[in-house]
Amino acid sequence: MFEKENFIISLAESIHKNGIPAHRLENTMQMVCESIGVEADFSATPEILLISFSTDGSSKTHMKKCKGSDLNFEKMTLLDQLIEKVMKGQLSIEAAKEELERINTLPQRYGALVNILSIGVSTSSAACLFGGGWTEILISGIIGLMIGILKELLAFLPNLSRLAVLFSATFAIFFAKWSVVWAGEYSIEIATITGLILLIPGFTLSLSVTELANGHAQSGTIRFSNALVTFVMIAVGIGLGNNLAAQFELSPSLVHFAEIPKWMIYIAIALVPAGFVVLFKAQIKHYHWMLLSCVTSYYSVSYFSSFNIGELSVFFAAFSLGLVSNSLSRFIKQPVTLMLVPGIILLVPGSIGFKSISALVNDQTLNGIESAFSTLVSAASLTAGLLFSNMIVRLNRGF
């Protein structure tokens, strides 16, 4: 029994570190415990994991402080396969512990240069999808590359890493405004939003609402607070960048870039998931599933937005994404998160939050409050769409 308990603790820690929502982590671990004859209860927050074992009328509780790291789709997929083998009795506990140790010690799949380039590819492609032209694509890509470089540099300076979002937002808004000097008039908003799209906590905000909707008040509140702090850091960065840009006389150039051809949208939508493969440390073979996710999100939200139904377009787009993701998860026997996360990133709540912060910083209080309310409604609509899709196509896998 002691060996089983150690395995359960190690497995729960590994799942937790991959950013799995509290309700899915708890459900997954309960299924594993039932399959191997262990009685246990779990309680998870983004930073704390509580595991209580009951044996012969007595109980003991383990508390683990294990702050979640970046999503790692490769490890997530391997953990999912390991769990399935354990639940089917295809692996002994001893063999499962060895496999778990191997998964936990896997080296980084991609190097620093590839990570940096992937961010640049994702941001510039997102600029195209958000309606930007050649200028917006170029500026957004440069912002993404600089954020990638900053992220790699701050990995060696952990005390400054918490300020990465502030530094990135400051650089993004300043560079976007300064670029009119050589790039002429263009949409600074599109370039800035898409340049920062991977830092804007739209996914965290949606995840917090999902956990709250599933009755996990503590975990949902913590994630919501983390998202709010990130938004505040972005707001401070925007303020600093605006003040810095105001110190210079920035006269727009008369340069005018040609419009992008319509077929560029297809290249952009193919490149976005390619960047996500590296960003989320997925295997190359997962690319086509992530591509399908991005295509589903982008075209469904575009289609439903044409009906002028406001935030309901996000609801129906999330519902469509959930149906496709859940169905394929059952069919291809892969974690649903593999498709869900890339698709959610393209479903807008984070960019609306950025507009809210930008308006507030620029003393446009009413517009800022309206955008902030739209952000929450969009996040709630997204969550509701996913919950409804779970009712139609139920998951047969933990995460």
Protein backbone atom coordinates (compact mmCIF):
# COMPACT_ATOMS: atom_id res chain seq x y z
CA MET A 1 0.00 0.00 0.00
CA PHE A 2 2.88 2.38 0.81
CA GLU A 3 4.28 1.90 -2.70
CA LYS A 4 0.89 2.71 -4.23
CA GLU A 5 0.55 5.87 -2.14
CA ASN A 6 3.99 7.09 -3.21
CA PHE A 7 3.05 6.49 -6.83
CA ILE A 8 -0.23 8.39 -6.40
CA ILE A 9 1.58 11.37 -4.86
CA SER A 10 4.21 11.47 -7.62
CA LEU A 11 1.59 11.12 -10.36
CA ALA A 12 -0.59 13.88 -8.91
CA GLU A 13 2.42 16.19 -8.69
CA SER A 14 3.35 15.51 -12.31
CA ILE A 15 -0.18 16.23 -13.54
CA HIS A 16 -0.37 19.37 -11.40
CA LYS A 17 2.87 20.78 -12.83
CA ASN A 18 1.38 20.66 -16.32
CA GLY A 19 -1.32 23.19 -15.44
CA ILE A 20 -4.29 20.80 -15.53
CA PRO A 21 -7.46 22.44 -14.07
CA ALA A 22 -8.29 21.45 -10.49
CA HIS A 23 -11.54 19.62 -11.30
CA ARG A 24 -9.91 17.52 -14.02
CA LEU A 25 -6.89 16.70 -11.88
CA GLU A 26 -9.10 15.56 -9.01
CA ASN A 27 -11.38 13.49 -11.26
CA THR A 28 -8.41 11.85 -12.97
CA MET A 29 -6.70 10.93 -9.70
CA GLN A 30 -9.93 9.58 -8.22
CA MET A 31 -10.30 7.24 -11.21
CA VAL A 32 -6.69 6.07 -10.86
CA CYS A 33 -7.11 5.42 -7.12
CA GLU A 34 -10.28 3.43 -7.66
CA SER A 35 -8.60 1.30 -10.31
CA ILE A 36 -5.68 0.30 -8.03
CA GLY A 37 -7.67 -0.03 -4.81
CA VAL A 38 -6.53 3.08 -2.94
CA GLU A 39 -8.94 5.28 -1.00
CA ALA A 40 -7.91 8.92 -1.28
CA ASP A 41 -9.28 12.47 -1.55
CA PHE A 42 -7.69 15.30 -3.48
CA SER A 43 -7.83 19.07 -3.27
CA ALA A 44 -5.85 21.18 -5.72
CA THR A 45 -5.13 24.87 -6.19
CA PRO A 46 -2.62 26.38 -8.63
CA GLU A 47 0.12 26.16 -5.97
CA ILE A 48 -0.98 23.62 -3.35
CA LEU A 49 -1.88 19.96 -3.67
CA LEU A 50 -3.55 18.13 -0.74
CA ILE A 51 -3.83 14.34 -0.79
CA SER A 52 -5.59 12.46 2.03
CA PHE A 53 -5.27 8.68 2.25
CA SER A 54 -7.65 6.53 4.30
CA THR A 55 -6.41 3.14 5.53
CA ASP A 56 -8.06 0.88 8.14
CA GLY A 57 -10.11 3.67 9.67
CA SER A 58 -7.20 6.10 9.94
CA SER A 59 -6.18 8.84 7.57
CA LYS A 60 -3.06 10.82 6.73
CA THR A 61 -2.72 13.93 4.61
CA HIS A 62 0.15 15.02 2.40
CA MET A 63 0.55 18.64 1.37
CA LYS A 64 2.71 19.44 -1.62
CA LYS A 65 3.64 22.93 -2.75
CA CYS A 66 4.17 22.49 -6.46
CA LYS A 67 3.72 25.62 -8.49
CA GLY A 68 2.54 24.79 -11.98
CA SER A 69 4.96 25.33 -14.86
CA ASP A 70 4.33 25.94 -18.55
CA LEU A 71 2.08 23.52 -20.40
CA ASN A 72 4.03 20.58 -21.77
CA PHE A 73 1.87 18.67 -24.24
CA GLU A 74 4.45 15.92 -24.78
CA LYS A 75 4.58 15.05 -21.08
CA MET A 76 0.82 15.47 -20.82
CA THR A 77 0.29 12.94 -23.60
CA LEU A 78 2.72 10.46 -22.05
CA LEU A 79 1.08 10.86 -18.63
CA ASP A 80 -2.30 10.21 -20.20
CA GLN A 81 -1.01 7.01 -21.79
CA LEU A 82 0.59 5.94 -18.50
CA ILE A 83 -2.67 6.50 -16.60
CA GLU A 84 -4.61 4.44 -19.12
CA LYS A 85 -2.17 1.52 -18.80
CA VAL A 86 -2.31 1.66 -15.00
CA MET A 87 -6.11 1.73 -14.96
CA LYS A 88 -6.28 -1.24 -17.34
CA GLY A 89 -3.78 -3.18 -15.24
CA GLN A 90 -1.23 -3.33 -18.07
CA LEU A 91 1.55 -1.92 -15.84
CA SER A 92 2.58 -2.85 -12.32
CA ILE A 93 2.98 -0.02 -9.82
CA GLU A 94 6.75 -0.49 -9.82
CA ALA A 95 6.93 -0.30 -13.63
CA ALA A 96 4.57 2.69 -13.61
CA LYS A 97 6.85 4.52 -11.15
CA GLU A 98 9.84 3.93 -13.42
CA GLU A 99 7.91 5.20 -16.45
CA LEU A 100 6.75 8.25 -14.48
CA GLU A 101 10.33 9.05 -13.51
CA ARG A 102 11.38 8.78 -17.15
CA ILE A 103 8.62 11.19 -18.21
CA ASN A 104 9.52 13.70 -15.50
CA THR A 105 13.18 13.74 -16.52
CA LEU A 106 12.66 14.17 -20.25
CA PRO A 107 14.88 16.96 -21.63
CA GLN A 108 13.46 20.06 -23.29
CA ARG A 109 12.32 19.11 -26.80
CA TYR A 110 13.18 22.46 -28.39
CA GLY A 111 16.15 24.79 -27.93
CA ALA A 112 16.19 28.50 -27.15
CA LEU A 113 16.46 29.64 -30.78
CA VAL A 114 13.50 27.53 -31.90
CA ASN A 115 11.45 28.80 -28.92
CA ILE A 116 12.19 32.42 -29.83
CA LEU A 117 11.38 31.94 -33.51
CA SER A 118 8.15 30.12 -32.68
CA ILE A 119 6.87 33.10 -30.71
CA GLY A 120 7.67 35.41 -33.61
CA VAL A 121 5.87 33.10 -36.04
CA SER A 122 2.81 32.84 -33.77
CA THR A 123 2.46 36.57 -33.16
CA SER A 124 2.96 37.63 -36.80
CA SER A 125 0.49 34.94 -37.97
CA ALA A 126 -2.01 36.09 -35.35
CA ALA A 127 -1.69 39.65 -36.68
CA CYS A 128 -2.77 38.39 -40.10
CA LEU A 129 -5.73 36.50 -38.61
CA PHE A 130 -6.81 39.62 -36.65
CA GLY A 131 -7.04 41.59 -39.90
CA GLY A 132 -3.61 43.18 -40.00
CA GLY A 133 -1.62 44.02 -43.11
CA TRP A 134 2.08 43.63 -43.92
CA THR A 135 3.04 46.37 -41.43
CA GLU A 136 1.08 44.87 -38.54
CA ILE A 137 2.47 41.42 -39.37
CA LEU A 138 6.04 42.72 -39.37
CA ILE A 139 5.73 44.80 -36.18
CA SER A 140 3.90 42.02 -34.33
CA GLY A 141 6.55 39.50 -35.38
CA ILE A 142 9.37 41.73 -34.13
CA ILE A 143 7.58 42.25 -30.82
CA GLY A 144 7.14 38.48 -30.52
CA LEU A 145 10.81 37.83 -31.23
CA MET A 146 11.90 40.37 -28.61
CA ILE A 147 9.56 38.85 -26.05
CA GLY A 148 11.03 35.44 -26.83
CA ILE A 149 14.57 36.76 -26.35
CA LEU A 150 13.57 38.47 -23.11
CA LYS A 151 11.96 35.27 -21.85
CA GLU A 152 15.12 33.27 -22.50
CA LEU A 153 17.34 35.91 -20.85
CA LEU A 154 15.15 36.17 -17.74
CA ALA A 155 15.34 32.40 -17.30
CA PHE A 156 18.84 33.09 -15.93
CA LEU A 157 17.53 35.89 -13.66
CA PRO A 158 14.66 34.34 -11.67
CA ASN A 159 14.29 37.40 -9.45
CA LEU A 160 13.41 39.52 -12.50
CA SER A 161 11.31 36.91 -14.29
CA ARG A 162 8.14 38.12 -12.59
CA LEU A 163 8.59 41.46 -14.34
CA ALA A 164 8.76 39.86 -17.79
CA VAL A 165 5.16 40.86 -18.57
CA LEU A 166 5.78 44.48 -17.54
CA PHE A 167 8.98 44.73 -19.61
CA SER A 168 7.27 43.10 -22.59
CA ALA A 169 4.24 45.41 -22.50
CA THR A 170 6.48 48.47 -22.18
CA PHE A 171 8.58 47.44 -25.17
CA ALA A 172 5.55 46.40 -27.24
CA ILE A 173 3.64 49.68 -26.97
CA PHE A 174 6.75 51.84 -27.32
CA PHE A 175 8.06 49.94 -30.34
CA ALA A 176 4.61 49.91 -31.97
CA LYS A 177 4.27 53.69 -31.60
CA TRP A 178 7.86 54.41 -32.62
CA SER A 179 7.53 52.26 -35.74
CA VAL A 180 5.29 54.84 -37.45
CA VAL A 181 8.51 56.76 -38.10
CA TRP A 182 9.62 54.19 -40.68
CA ALA A 183 6.45 52.16 -41.34
CA GLY A 184 3.89 54.96 -41.75
CA GLU A 185 0.31 54.87 -40.47
CA TYR A 186 -0.96 51.45 -39.42
CA SER A 187 -3.06 49.79 -36.69
CA ILE A 188 -0.93 50.06 -33.55
CA GLU A 189 -3.66 48.24 -31.64
CA ILE A 190 -3.56 45.10 -33.81
CA ALA A 191 0.24 44.98 -33.77
CA THR A 192 0.41 45.40 -29.98
CA ILE A 193 -2.39 42.98 -29.10
CA THR A 194 -1.09 40.21 -31.34
CA GLY A 195 2.52 40.89 -30.33
CA LEU A 196 1.50 40.29 -26.72
CA ILE A 197 -1.15 37.63 -27.43
CA LEU A 198 0.81 34.82 -25.75
CA LEU A 199 1.24 36.90 -22.57
CA ILE A 200 -2.33 38.20 -22.33
CA PRO A 201 -4.00 35.86 -19.80
CA GLY A 202 -7.14 35.10 -21.79
CA PHE A 203 -6.69 31.36 -21.28
CA THR A 204 -6.04 31.76 -17.53
CA LEU A 205 -9.12 33.97 -17.20
CA SER A 206 -11.29 31.43 -19.02
CA LEU A 207 -9.81 28.60 -16.95
CA SER A 208 -10.60 30.45 -13.72
CA VAL A 209 -14.24 30.90 -14.75
CA THR A 210 -14.38 27.19 -15.71
CA GLU A 211 -13.13 26.16 -12.27
CA LEU A 212 -15.58 28.49 -10.55
CA ALA A 213 -18.41 27.04 -12.65
CA ASN A 214 -17.32 23.53 -11.58
CA GLY A 215 -17.50 24.44 -7.89
CA HIS A 216 -13.77 24.95 -7.28
CA ALA A 217 -14.04 28.38 -5.70
CA GLN A 218 -10.55 28.48 -4.19
CA SER A 219 -8.65 27.40 -7.30
CA GLY A 220 -10.83 29.53 -9.59
CA THR A 221 -10.39 32.61 -7.41
CA ILE A 222 -6.60 32.18 -7.31
CA ARG A 223 -6.39 31.82 -11.08
CA PHE A 224 -8.70 34.81 -11.55
CA SER A 225 -6.47 36.86 -9.22
CA ASN A 226 -3.36 35.78 -11.14
CA ALA A 227 -5.00 36.84 -14.42
CA LEU A 228 -5.96 40.18 -12.88
CA VAL A 229 -2.41 40.78 -11.64
CA THR A 230 -1.07 40.00 -15.13
CA PHE A 231 -3.52 42.50 -16.63
CA VAL A 232 -2.37 45.10 -14.09
CA MET A 233 1.28 44.45 -14.98
CA ILE A 234 0.39 44.92 -18.65
CA ALA A 235 -1.42 48.15 -17.74
CA VAL A 236 1.65 49.49 -15.95
CA GLY A 237 3.79 48.49 -18.93
CA ILE A 238 1.44 50.25 -21.34
CA GLY A 239 1.56 53.38 -19.20
CA LEU A 240 5.36 53.35 -19.10
CA GLY A 241 5.60 52.70 -22.84
CA ASN A 242 3.16 55.51 -23.64
CA ASN A 243 5.05 57.97 -21.44
CA LEU A 244 8.34 56.92 -23.02
CA ALA A 245 6.95 57.35 -26.53
CA ALA A 246 5.57 60.78 -25.59
CA GLN A 247 9.12 62.02 -24.99
CA PHE A 248 9.85 61.76 -28.72
CA GLU A 249 8.40 63.58 -31.70
CA LEU A 250 7.14 60.69 -33.78
CA SER A 251 6.14 61.87 -37.23
CA PRO A 252 4.55 59.13 -39.38
CA SER A 253 6.44 58.20 -42.51
CA LEU A 254 4.72 58.40 -45.89
CA VAL A 255 5.66 54.78 -46.55
CA HIS A 256 2.70 52.64 -47.56
CA PHE A 257 2.90 48.85 -47.72
CA ALA A 258 0.83 46.98 -50.27
CA GLU A 259 -2.24 45.11 -49.04
CA ILE A 260 -1.75 41.44 -48.27
CA PRO A 261 -3.33 38.97 -50.73
CA LYS A 262 -6.37 37.07 -49.46
CA TRP A 263 -4.56 33.72 -49.67
CA MET A 264 -2.18 34.87 -46.91
CA ILE A 265 -4.86 34.03 -44.38
CA TYR A 266 -4.42 30.32 -45.17
CA ILE A 267 -0.67 30.51 -44.60
CA ALA A 268 -1.22 32.38 -41.34
CA ILE A 269 -3.69 29.84 -39.99
CA ALA A 270 -1.23 27.06 -40.85
CA LEU A 271 1.66 28.83 -39.08
CA VAL A 272 -0.16 29.66 -35.84
CA PRO A 273 -0.38 26.01 -34.66
CA ALA A 274 3.21 25.45 -35.84
CA GLY A 275 4.27 28.06 -33.31
CA PHE A 276 2.01 26.49 -30.69
CA VAL A 277 3.70 23.09 -31.20
CA VAL A 278 6.96 24.60 -29.97
CA LEU A 279 5.42 26.91 -27.38
CA PHE A 280 3.52 24.07 -25.68
CA LYS A 281 6.36 21.56 -26.17
CA ALA A 282 4.24 19.21 -28.25
CA GLN A 283 5.49 16.54 -30.62
CA ILE A 284 5.52 17.26 -34.35
CA LYS A 285 2.91 14.56 -34.91
CA HIS A 286 0.44 16.64 -32.87
CA TYR A 287 0.57 19.54 -35.33
CA HIS A 288 -2.40 18.49 -37.46
CA TRP A 289 -4.68 18.16 -34.42
CA MET A 290 -3.69 21.63 -33.24
CA LEU A 291 -4.22 22.93 -36.77
CA LEU A 292 -7.75 21.51 -36.76
CA SER A 293 -8.35 23.20 -33.40
CA CYS A 294 -7.23 26.61 -34.70
CA VAL A 295 -9.26 26.22 -37.90
CA THR A 296 -12.36 25.30 -35.87
CA SER A 297 -11.97 28.30 -33.55
CA TYR A 298 -11.12 30.85 -36.21
CA TYR A 299 -13.82 29.98 -38.73
CA SER A 300 -16.55 29.25 -36.18
CA VAL A 301 -16.09 32.59 -34.40
CA SER A 302 -15.91 34.37 -37.78
CA TYR A 303 -19.10 32.67 -38.91
CA PHE A 304 -21.12 33.32 -35.76
CA SER A 305 -19.85 36.91 -35.50
CA SER A 306 -21.45 37.61 -38.88
CA PHE A 307 -24.87 37.31 -37.18
CA ASN A 308 -24.10 40.30 -34.90
CA ILE A 309 -25.01 38.37 -31.75
CA GLY A 310 -22.24 39.83 -29.56
CA GLU A 311 -20.70 37.54 -26.96
CA LEU A 312 -23.01 34.71 -28.05
CA SER A 313 -20.66 34.23 -31.01
CA VAL A 314 -17.95 33.24 -28.50
CA PHE A 315 -20.40 30.82 -26.86
CA PHE A 316 -21.22 29.05 -30.13
CA ALA A 317 -17.57 29.04 -31.23
CA ALA A 318 -16.51 27.51 -27.89
CA PHE A 319 -19.36 25.00 -28.15
CA SER A 320 -18.14 23.99 -31.63
CA LEU A 321 -14.54 23.75 -30.42
CA GLY A 322 -15.61 21.65 -27.44
CA LEU A 323 -17.61 19.22 -29.60
CA VAL A 324 -14.74 18.74 -32.04
CA SER A 325 -12.09 18.45 -29.28
CA ASN A 326 -14.08 16.02 -27.13
CA SER A 327 -15.05 13.85 -30.09
CA LEU A 328 -11.50 13.61 -31.39
CA SER A 329 -10.13 13.00 -27.88
CA ARG A 330 -12.33 9.90 -27.68
CA PHE A 331 -11.45 8.84 -31.23
CA ILE A 332 -7.67 9.36 -31.28
CA LYS A 333 -7.21 8.60 -27.55
CA GLN A 334 -5.24 11.77 -26.79
CA PRO A 335 -5.72 14.38 -24.03
CA VAL A 336 -8.48 16.85 -24.93
CA THR A 337 -6.20 19.68 -23.77
CA LEU A 338 -4.07 19.07 -26.85
CA MET A 339 -6.78 20.62 -29.03
CA LEU A 340 -8.64 22.74 -26.52
CA VAL A 341 -5.85 25.11 -25.46
CA PRO A 342 -4.71 26.31 -28.92
CA GLY A 343 -8.32 26.86 -29.93
CA ILE A 344 -9.20 28.82 -26.79
CA ILE A 345 -6.28 31.20 -27.33
CA LEU A 346 -7.89 32.34 -30.60
CA LEU A 347 -11.28 32.98 -28.99
CA VAL A 348 -10.58 36.62 -28.03
CA PRO A 349 -11.27 37.25 -24.25
CA GLY A 350 -7.65 38.22 -23.65
CA SER A 351 -7.54 40.76 -26.45
CA ILE A 352 -10.73 42.41 -25.18
CA GLY A 353 -9.08 42.60 -21.75
CA PHE A 354 -6.08 44.31 -23.36
CA LYS A 355 -8.37 46.93 -24.94
CA SER A 356 -9.96 47.52 -21.53
CA ILE A 357 -6.61 48.13 -19.86
CA SER A 358 -5.39 50.31 -22.70
CA ALA A 359 -8.52 52.47 -22.49
CA LEU A 360 -8.24 52.86 -18.71
CA VAL A 361 -4.57 53.81 -18.91
CA ASN A 362 -5.41 56.41 -21.56
CA ASP A 363 -8.12 57.96 -19.31
CA GLN A 364 -10.96 56.53 -21.39
CA THR A 365 -12.69 55.30 -18.25
CA LEU A 366 -16.12 54.52 -19.69
CA ASN A 367 -14.70 52.58 -22.65
CA GLY A 368 -12.35 50.75 -20.29
CA ILE A 369 -15.16 49.65 -17.97
CA GLU A 370 -17.32 48.56 -20.91
CA SER A 371 -14.44 46.51 -22.35
CA ALA A 372 -13.70 44.97 -18.95
CA PHE A 373 -17.33 43.88 -18.65
CA SER A 374 -17.18 42.46 -22.20
CA THR A 375 -14.07 40.50 -21.20
CA LEU A 376 -15.87 38.82 -18.31
CA VAL A 377 -18.97 38.13 -20.40
CA SER A 378 -16.80 36.64 -23.18
CA ALA A 379 -14.95 34.44 -20.68
CA ALA A 380 -18.28 33.30 -19.19
CA SER A 381 -19.69 32.65 -22.68
CA LEU A 382 -16.62 30.63 -23.60
CA THR A 383 -16.91 28.57 -20.41
CA ALA A 384 -20.62 27.98 -20.93
CA GLY A 385 -19.98 26.80 -24.48
CA LEU A 386 -17.37 24.31 -23.32
CA LEU A 387 -19.60 23.05 -20.48
CA PHE A 388 -22.49 22.48 -22.88
CA SER A 389 -20.21 20.61 -25.27
CA ASN A 390 -19.12 18.36 -22.37
CA MET A 391 -22.79 17.49 -21.80
CA ILE A 392 -23.23 16.48 -25.45
CA VAL A 393 -19.96 14.58 -25.87
CA ARG A 394 -18.67 13.36 -22.53
CA LEU A 395 -14.94 12.81 -22.05
CA ASN A 396 -13.72 9.31 -21.40
CA ARG A 397 -10.28 10.58 -20.38
CA GLY A 398 -9.13 12.64 -17.42
CA PHE A 399 -7.67 15.69 -19.13
